[in-house]
Amino acid sequence: MSILIVGASVAGTRTAIALRQRGFAGPITLVESEQHWPYDKPPLSKDLLAEGHTPEVPRLLTPELAAELDLDVRLGVHVTALDPARQVVVTHTGEEISYERLVIATGARARSLQVPSGLTGVHTLRTLDDSTALRDALAGKPRVAVVGAGFIGAEFASAARLRGLDVTVIEALAVPMSPILGDEVGREVSSIHALNGTELVTEARVEQFLGSARVEGVALDDGKAVAADLVVVGVGATPNTHWLEGSGLPVDDGVHCTERYEIPGFPSIFAIGDLAVRPHPLLGVRARIEHWTSAGEQADAVASILTGAEPPAPQLPYVWSDQYGSRIQIVGRPSLGELAHREGSMAEGHFRAVYVDTDDNPIAQVSVNNAKAVAAFRKIYRRGGSLTDLVGEQTPAR
């Protein structure tokens, strides 16, 4: 059986490696549009932007490891179409690559603002080339504006501020991250910007970028303007599904798949990573989980299924963000529960918020600079413990 993996993302590359580790001996082809050998992405908005010595970006796969695992890795290849009936994908050169099993792992790209630009100095941050260009730009000590106060925007703002630069974060919401964390916790967590000298402007939408050839500022919908020599747009990601148009696959803000990552009606095709819209067995909702840890878990699960083994037990989504020297960690989906407990504050350097379901069972947690709290939550969640088991008889938030 031949397996074709489109996309050398964390999910795609780890699927190829996991297949070999699980004893799969058939042909594996890994196709990637970037010219770079597969790399890890968390450092792109963190370590790689720091002032000083340029760190090596961790590689997920090297030529030596690919040869050892007998992987056919094809870099710089853009897949443009899929024909499921003939079981082939078509590349930008017109070449057709056949498969018996197909794993779609093309991930997502940075979402653009519906604002014309074309100006030098307006960036997004998603790839190694993006990060390298921004590192070079930061060395010129520009005035920085960041559009979007999500994790990518906040991490870039942090990196720029730690270099001593003037930074303004522009956010459309009244409270950053409120759809995920709720207003109360979103307000607390986003206070980290002011505590570190970054200006946060909320309820503001970008009307246009100012400047003739190079960006000079950002005009907002209230008539105000933010001066900037460098702008980073961090307003989310769009699944890379354009090449699947006309394939017949269920594509709607991602590729819809079953709990076992199979595409309904297309039993030889699987979807994983940032573009997989899947019913999560623990959350009870269908969603795209765009987290680094989830990509690895999904890769191992698909490798298990393809080799006839039972996949590992599902885990709650987990994501972390390093900002201004603090680590913010989220386990579960806070938006699916109700805030029941909070302690500490960003100003104190430690914070925790716990969310519960309708039966008052803990289902999600946000913690700052507290790795033990993450371990404790996972332990309580696994054994079905209560909020009291987790936080004791402390005063609840509600």
Protein backbone atom coordinates (compact mmCIF):
# COMPACT_ATOMS: atom_id res chain seq x y z
CA MET A 1 0.00 0.00 0.00
CA SER A 2 1.35 3.42 -0.95
CA ILE A 3 0.69 6.44 1.26
CA LEU A 4 0.84 10.03 0.04
CA ILE A 5 0.99 12.83 2.61
CA VAL A 6 0.33 16.31 1.26
CA GLY A 7 1.85 18.90 3.58
CA ALA A 8 5.03 18.55 5.65
CA SER A 9 3.47 20.33 8.61
CA VAL A 10 3.91 19.04 12.15
CA ALA A 11 0.93 16.75 11.53
CA GLY A 12 2.08 15.56 8.10
CA THR A 13 5.74 15.00 8.95
CA ARG A 14 4.98 13.24 12.21
CA THR A 15 2.53 10.97 10.43
CA ALA A 16 5.29 9.82 8.08
CA ILE A 17 7.69 9.20 10.97
CA ALA A 18 5.04 7.47 13.10
CA LEU A 19 4.14 5.14 10.23
CA ARG A 20 7.71 3.89 10.07
CA GLN A 21 7.93 3.62 13.85
CA ARG A 22 4.81 1.46 13.78
CA GLY A 23 6.33 -0.88 11.21
CA PHE A 24 4.76 0.32 7.98
CA ALA A 25 7.11 -0.76 5.17
CA GLY A 26 5.29 0.48 2.06
CA PRO A 27 6.11 3.57 -0.02
CA ILE A 28 5.56 6.93 1.71
CA THR A 29 5.67 10.17 -0.28
CA LEU A 30 5.70 13.49 1.57
CA VAL A 31 4.96 16.56 -0.57
CA GLU A 32 5.59 20.11 0.67
CA SER A 33 5.14 23.50 -1.03
CA GLU A 34 7.94 25.20 0.94
CA GLN A 35 11.56 24.74 -0.08
CA HIS A 36 12.68 24.27 3.54
CA TRP A 37 13.03 20.87 5.13
CA PRO A 38 10.18 20.46 7.65
CA TYR A 39 10.66 22.60 10.76
CA ASP A 40 8.98 23.22 14.09
CA LYS A 41 6.82 26.35 14.21
CA PRO A 42 6.54 27.49 17.86
CA PRO A 43 9.98 29.22 17.78
CA LEU A 44 8.92 31.39 14.83
CA SER A 45 7.01 33.83 17.05
CA LYS A 46 9.27 33.37 20.07
CA ASP A 47 12.97 32.41 20.09
CA LEU A 48 13.71 33.31 16.48
CA LEU A 49 12.57 36.91 17.04
CA ALA A 50 14.65 37.48 20.18
CA GLU A 51 17.56 39.88 20.09
CA GLY A 52 21.04 38.38 19.97
CA HIS A 53 22.33 35.14 18.51
CA THR A 54 20.03 33.62 15.88
CA PRO A 55 18.96 30.20 17.15
CA GLU A 56 18.67 27.15 14.94
CA VAL A 57 15.07 26.36 14.08
CA PRO A 58 14.39 22.76 15.16
CA ARG A 59 13.93 20.48 12.17
CA LEU A 60 11.17 17.89 12.15
CA LEU A 61 12.94 16.00 9.40
CA THR A 62 16.42 16.11 7.86
CA PRO A 63 17.71 14.59 4.61
CA GLU A 64 19.60 12.02 6.68
CA LEU A 65 16.53 10.95 8.66
CA ALA A 66 14.41 10.86 5.50
CA ALA A 67 16.93 8.52 3.89
CA GLU A 68 17.08 6.36 7.01
CA LEU A 69 13.27 6.08 7.05
CA ASP A 70 13.07 5.63 3.28
CA LEU A 71 10.76 8.60 2.79
CA ASP A 72 10.28 10.16 -0.64
CA VAL A 73 10.30 13.85 0.31
CA ARG A 74 9.46 16.37 -2.43
CA LEU A 75 10.01 20.02 -1.50
CA GLY A 76 8.83 23.08 -3.43
CA VAL A 77 5.93 21.14 -4.91
CA HIS A 78 2.52 22.86 -4.94
CA VAL A 79 -0.42 20.49 -5.15
CA THR A 80 -3.18 22.12 -7.20
CA ALA A 81 -5.92 19.50 -7.52
CA LEU A 82 -7.21 16.16 -6.28
CA ASP A 83 -9.00 13.51 -8.34
CA PRO A 84 -10.34 10.96 -5.82
CA ALA A 85 -11.86 8.73 -8.52
CA ARG A 86 -8.46 8.17 -10.12
CA GLN A 87 -6.64 8.44 -6.78
CA VAL A 88 -4.16 11.07 -7.95
CA VAL A 89 -3.16 14.58 -6.97
CA VAL A 90 -1.93 17.09 -9.55
CA THR A 91 1.04 19.40 -8.94
CA HIS A 92 1.83 22.88 -10.25
CA THR A 93 3.98 21.31 -12.98
CA GLY A 94 1.14 19.10 -14.19
CA GLU A 95 2.68 15.97 -12.69
CA GLU A 96 0.24 13.44 -11.26
CA ILE A 97 1.12 11.57 -8.06
CA SER A 98 -0.92 8.46 -7.35
CA TYR A 99 -1.81 7.04 -3.96
CA GLU A 100 -3.66 4.20 -2.30
CA ARG A 101 -4.09 6.16 0.94
CA LEU A 102 -3.99 9.95 1.09
CA VAL A 103 -3.37 12.07 4.19
CA ILE A 104 -4.30 15.74 3.78
CA ALA A 105 -2.13 17.88 6.06
CA THR A 106 -1.80 21.18 4.20
CA GLY A 107 -2.53 23.21 7.33
CA ALA A 108 -3.50 26.86 7.15
CA ARG A 109 -2.14 30.19 5.99
CA ALA A 110 -2.22 33.57 7.69
CA ARG A 111 -5.54 35.34 7.16
CA SER A 112 -5.35 38.68 5.38
CA LEU A 113 -7.19 41.86 6.27
CA GLN A 114 -9.73 43.07 3.76
CA VAL A 115 -7.61 46.20 3.41
CA PRO A 116 -5.42 46.97 0.39
CA SER A 117 -1.73 47.18 1.21
CA GLY A 118 1.13 46.62 -1.22
CA LEU A 119 3.32 48.64 1.15
CA THR A 120 6.73 47.52 2.31
CA GLY A 121 6.73 46.84 6.04
CA VAL A 122 3.34 45.08 6.31
CA HIS A 123 3.88 41.44 7.33
CA THR A 124 2.17 38.28 8.46
CA LEU A 125 3.80 35.58 10.63
CA ARG A 126 3.23 31.95 9.72
CA THR A 127 6.34 30.54 8.04
CA LEU A 128 10.10 30.44 8.55
CA ASP A 129 10.55 33.01 5.78
CA ASP A 130 8.03 35.30 7.52
CA SER A 131 9.89 35.03 10.81
CA THR A 132 13.31 35.59 9.24
CA ALA A 133 12.08 38.71 7.44
CA LEU A 134 10.60 40.07 10.68
CA ARG A 135 13.78 39.38 12.64
CA ASP A 136 15.72 41.42 10.09
CA ALA A 137 13.13 44.21 10.21
CA LEU A 138 13.21 44.39 14.02
CA ALA A 139 16.95 45.02 13.93
CA GLY A 140 16.19 48.43 12.40
CA LYS A 141 14.36 49.44 15.62
CA PRO A 142 11.06 50.41 14.00
CA ARG A 143 7.87 51.65 15.62
CA VAL A 144 5.68 48.55 15.69
CA ALA A 145 1.94 48.09 15.25
CA VAL A 146 0.33 44.67 15.64
CA VAL A 147 -3.17 44.04 14.29
CA GLY A 148 -4.81 41.34 16.37
CA ALA A 149 -4.33 40.47 20.05
CA GLY A 150 -4.52 36.69 19.71
CA PHE A 151 -1.56 34.51 20.58
CA ILE A 152 0.48 35.20 17.43
CA GLY A 153 -0.03 38.95 17.68
CA ALA A 154 0.65 38.98 21.41
CA GLU A 155 3.81 36.90 21.04
CA PHE A 156 5.17 39.16 18.34
CA ALA A 157 4.31 42.25 20.40
CA SER A 158 6.16 40.67 23.31
CA ALA A 159 9.25 39.95 21.20
CA ALA A 160 9.31 43.52 19.88
CA ARG A 161 8.77 45.04 23.31
CA LEU A 162 11.55 42.92 24.84
CA ARG A 163 13.83 44.58 22.28
CA GLY A 164 12.83 47.95 23.77
CA LEU A 165 10.68 49.02 20.82
CA ASP A 166 7.51 51.11 20.92
CA VAL A 167 4.63 48.71 20.32
CA THR A 168 0.89 49.23 19.83
CA VAL A 169 -1.54 46.31 19.59
CA ILE A 170 -4.77 46.99 17.72
CA GLU A 171 -7.71 44.69 18.53
CA ALA A 172 -11.22 44.70 17.03
CA LEU A 173 -12.84 43.12 20.10
CA ALA A 174 -13.68 45.04 23.26
CA VAL A 175 -11.84 42.34 25.23
CA PRO A 176 -9.02 40.36 23.57
CA MET A 177 -9.54 36.59 23.46
CA SER A 178 -13.06 36.95 24.94
CA PRO A 179 -14.66 34.40 22.54
CA ILE A 180 -12.24 31.82 23.93
CA LEU A 181 -11.67 32.91 27.54
CA GLY A 182 -14.72 35.05 28.32
CA ASP A 183 -14.64 38.75 29.19
CA GLU A 184 -13.36 38.45 32.75
CA VAL A 185 -10.39 36.19 32.04
CA GLY A 186 -9.71 37.77 28.65
CA ARG A 187 -9.41 41.16 30.33
CA GLU A 188 -7.05 39.78 32.99
CA VAL A 189 -4.79 37.90 30.59
CA SER A 190 -4.55 40.79 28.12
CA SER A 191 -3.52 43.14 30.92
CA ILE A 192 -0.04 41.67 30.41
CA HIS A 193 0.44 44.17 27.59
CA ALA A 194 0.01 47.29 29.72
CA LEU A 195 2.09 45.74 32.50
CA ASN A 196 4.97 45.53 30.05
CA GLY A 197 4.65 48.92 28.39
CA THR A 198 2.75 47.88 25.25
CA GLU A 199 -0.20 50.04 24.27
CA LEU A 200 -3.40 48.07 23.66
CA VAL A 201 -6.14 49.70 21.60
CA THR A 202 -9.43 47.79 21.64
CA GLU A 203 -12.68 48.08 19.67
CA ALA A 204 -10.64 49.37 16.77
CA ARG A 205 -10.78 48.31 13.14
CA VAL A 206 -8.21 49.05 10.48
CA GLU A 207 -9.45 51.33 7.71
CA GLN A 208 -6.21 51.53 5.75
CA PHE A 209 -2.45 51.41 5.94
CA LEU A 210 -0.78 54.80 5.59
CA GLY A 211 2.24 55.56 3.43
CA SER A 212 3.25 55.73 -0.21
CA ALA A 213 5.86 52.98 -0.76
CA ARG A 214 6.59 52.00 2.83
CA VAL A 215 4.08 51.79 5.65
CA GLU A 216 4.02 54.81 7.93
CA GLY A 217 0.99 54.04 10.06
CA VAL A 218 -2.40 52.44 10.49
CA ALA A 219 -5.62 54.43 10.10
CA LEU A 220 -8.46 53.26 12.36
CA ASP A 221 -12.20 53.46 11.84
CA ASP A 222 -12.62 56.07 14.58
CA GLY A 223 -10.45 58.54 12.69
CA LYS A 224 -7.34 57.98 14.78
CA ALA A 225 -4.02 56.74 13.43
CA VAL A 226 -1.20 54.65 14.90
CA ALA A 227 2.27 55.59 13.66
CA ALA A 228 4.28 52.55 12.61
CA ASP A 229 7.26 51.60 10.45
CA LEU A 230 6.48 47.90 10.81
CA VAL A 231 3.03 46.28 10.92
CA VAL A 232 2.28 42.64 11.69
CA VAL A 233 -1.19 41.34 10.87
CA GLY A 234 -2.17 38.48 13.18
CA VAL A 235 -5.89 37.95 12.69
CA GLY A 236 -6.11 34.18 12.51
CA ALA A 237 -5.61 31.57 9.82
CA THR A 238 -7.43 30.23 6.78
CA PRO A 239 -7.32 26.49 5.99
CA ASN A 240 -5.33 25.58 2.87
CA THR A 241 -8.17 23.84 1.03
CA HIS A 242 -8.16 25.79 -2.25
CA TRP A 243 -6.57 22.85 -4.08
CA LEU A 244 -9.53 20.65 -3.13
CA GLU A 245 -12.10 22.69 -5.06
CA GLY A 246 -14.02 20.42 -7.42
CA SER A 247 -12.81 17.25 -5.66
CA GLY A 248 -16.17 16.50 -4.06
CA LEU A 249 -14.69 16.40 -0.55
CA PRO A 250 -16.74 18.06 2.23
CA VAL A 251 -14.87 21.37 2.50
CA ASP A 252 -16.25 24.19 4.64
CA ASP A 253 -13.74 26.23 6.66
CA GLY A 254 -11.59 23.09 6.63
CA VAL A 255 -12.01 19.48 5.58
CA HIS A 256 -14.77 17.63 7.43
CA CYS A 257 -13.81 14.20 8.70
CA THR A 258 -14.97 11.55 11.16
CA GLU A 259 -13.67 10.98 14.67
CA ARG A 260 -11.14 8.62 13.03
CA TYR A 261 -10.03 11.36 10.59
CA GLU A 262 -11.61 9.60 7.57
CA ILE A 263 -13.45 11.67 4.95
CA PRO A 264 -17.10 10.54 4.69
CA GLY A 265 -17.62 8.89 1.31
CA PHE A 266 -13.87 8.75 0.64
CA PRO A 267 -12.52 5.86 2.75
CA SER A 268 -8.97 6.12 1.39
CA ILE A 269 -8.54 9.78 2.40
CA PHE A 270 -7.75 11.23 5.85
CA ALA A 271 -7.51 14.83 7.09
CA ILE A 272 -5.38 15.96 10.03
CA GLY A 273 -3.92 19.08 11.59
CA ASP A 274 -5.13 22.67 11.40
CA LEU A 275 -7.59 22.03 8.56
CA ALA A 276 -9.34 18.94 9.97
CA VAL A 277 -12.90 19.67 11.13
CA ARG A 278 -13.55 16.74 13.43
CA PRO A 279 -16.00 15.73 16.18
CA HIS A 280 -13.79 15.80 19.26
CA PRO A 281 -14.55 12.77 21.43
CA LEU A 282 -13.99 14.63 24.71
CA LEU A 283 -15.38 18.06 23.89
CA GLY A 284 -18.62 16.94 22.26
CA VAL A 285 -18.28 19.50 19.46
CA ARG A 286 -17.08 19.48 15.87
CA ALA A 287 -14.13 21.82 15.51
CA ARG A 288 -10.73 22.54 14.05
CA ILE A 289 -8.08 22.25 16.78
CA GLU A 290 -5.17 24.44 15.68
CA HIS A 291 -2.68 23.42 18.37
CA TRP A 292 0.85 22.06 18.12
CA THR A 293 0.20 19.25 20.59
CA SER A 294 -3.00 18.20 18.82
CA ALA A 295 -1.14 17.92 15.51
CA GLY A 296 1.26 15.38 17.01
CA GLU A 297 -1.55 13.42 18.66
CA GLN A 298 -3.53 13.30 15.43
CA ALA A 299 -0.47 12.13 13.48
CA ASP A 300 0.07 9.23 15.86
CA ALA A 301 -3.63 8.36 15.73
CA VAL A 302 -3.75 8.26 11.91
CA ALA A 303 -0.52 6.24 11.77
CA SER A 304 -2.14 3.76 14.17
CA ILE A 305 -5.31 3.50 12.08
CA LEU A 306 -3.37 3.07 8.84
CA THR A 307 -1.33 0.23 10.36
CA GLY A 308 -4.38 -1.54 11.80
CA ALA A 309 -3.82 -0.59 15.44
CA GLU A 310 -6.09 1.17 17.91
CA PRO A 311 -5.24 4.87 18.22
CA PRO A 312 -4.10 6.26 21.57
CA ALA A 313 -6.73 7.62 23.96
CA PRO A 314 -7.87 11.14 23.02
CA GLN A 315 -6.56 14.09 25.01
CA LEU A 316 -8.03 17.48 25.83
CA PRO A 317 -6.70 20.26 23.60
CA TYR A 318 -3.69 22.02 25.07
CA VAL A 319 -1.96 25.21 23.94
CA TRP A 320 0.64 27.50 25.45
CA SER A 321 1.85 31.00 24.69
CA ASP A 322 5.05 32.71 25.87
CA GLN A 323 4.56 36.44 26.38
CA TYR A 324 6.83 38.94 28.15
CA GLY A 325 8.62 36.17 30.05
CA SER A 326 5.38 34.53 31.21
CA ARG A 327 3.89 31.25 30.03
CA ILE A 328 0.12 31.12 29.49
CA GLN A 329 -1.32 27.59 29.28
CA ILE A 330 -4.83 26.52 28.31
CA VAL A 331 -6.20 23.00 28.74
CA GLY A 332 -9.60 22.15 27.27
CA ARG A 333 -12.01 24.64 25.69
CA PRO A 334 -12.94 27.41 28.17
CA SER A 335 -15.69 28.66 25.84
CA LEU A 336 -17.61 25.41 26.42
CA GLY A 337 -17.87 25.98 30.17
CA GLU A 338 -18.60 28.56 32.82
CA LEU A 339 -15.94 30.37 34.85
CA ALA A 340 -16.13 28.91 38.36
CA HIS A 341 -12.85 29.82 40.02
CA ARG A 342 -10.02 32.34 39.64
CA GLU A 343 -6.98 33.15 41.69
CA GLY A 344 -3.96 35.42 41.37
CA SER A 345 -3.44 38.06 38.69
CA MET A 346 -1.13 38.92 35.84
CA ALA A 347 0.33 41.71 37.95
CA GLU A 348 1.29 39.15 40.62
CA GLY A 349 2.93 36.96 37.98
CA HIS A 350 0.64 33.98 38.52
CA PHE A 351 -2.98 33.40 37.62
CA ARG A 352 -5.45 30.55 37.29
CA ALA A 353 -9.02 30.28 36.06
CA VAL A 354 -11.09 27.09 36.07
CA TYR A 355 -14.21 26.47 33.98
CA VAL A 356 -16.89 23.87 34.73
CA ASP A 357 -19.68 22.14 32.82
CA THR A 358 -23.36 22.09 33.78
CA ASP A 359 -22.63 19.41 36.41
CA ASP A 360 -19.91 21.57 38.00
CA ASN A 361 -17.14 19.30 36.77
CA PRO A 362 -13.90 21.04 35.70
CA ILE A 363 -13.59 20.96 31.89
CA ALA A 364 -11.03 23.68 31.12
CA GLN A 365 -8.34 25.75 32.78
CA VAL A 366 -6.20 28.79 32.05
CA SER A 367 -3.02 29.15 34.09
CA VAL A 368 -0.04 31.48 34.02
CA ASN A 369 3.45 30.50 35.20
CA ASN A 370 2.13 27.40 36.91
CA ALA A 371 3.06 24.09 35.28
CA LYS A 372 1.90 22.21 38.38
CA ALA A 373 -1.62 23.57 37.88
CA VAL A 374 -1.71 22.01 34.40
CA ALA A 375 -0.64 18.62 35.75
CA ALA A 376 -3.17 18.86 38.58
CA PHE A 377 -6.01 19.71 36.22
CA ARG A 378 -5.23 16.80 33.91
CA LYS A 379 -5.13 14.40 36.85
CA ILE A 380 -8.48 15.60 38.22
CA TYR A 381 -10.08 15.57 34.77
CA ARG A 382 -8.95 11.99 34.05
CA ARG A 383 -10.50 10.65 37.24
CA GLY A 384 -13.64 12.76 37.02
CA GLY A 385 -12.87 14.87 40.08
CA SER A 386 -14.78 17.92 41.24
CA LEU A 387 -13.92 21.61 41.41
CA THR A 388 -13.32 21.19 45.15
CA ASP A 389 -10.86 18.38 44.43
CA LEU A 390 -8.97 20.75 42.15
CA VAL A 391 -8.95 24.04 44.09
CA GLY A 392 -10.11 23.10 47.57
CA GLU A 393 -12.70 25.11 49.48
CA GLN A 394 -11.63 28.44 47.96
CA THR A 395 -14.16 31.09 47.03
CA PRO A 396 -15.50 30.48 43.50
CA ALA A 397 -15.53 33.15 40.82
CA ARG A 398 -19.30 33.08 40.38
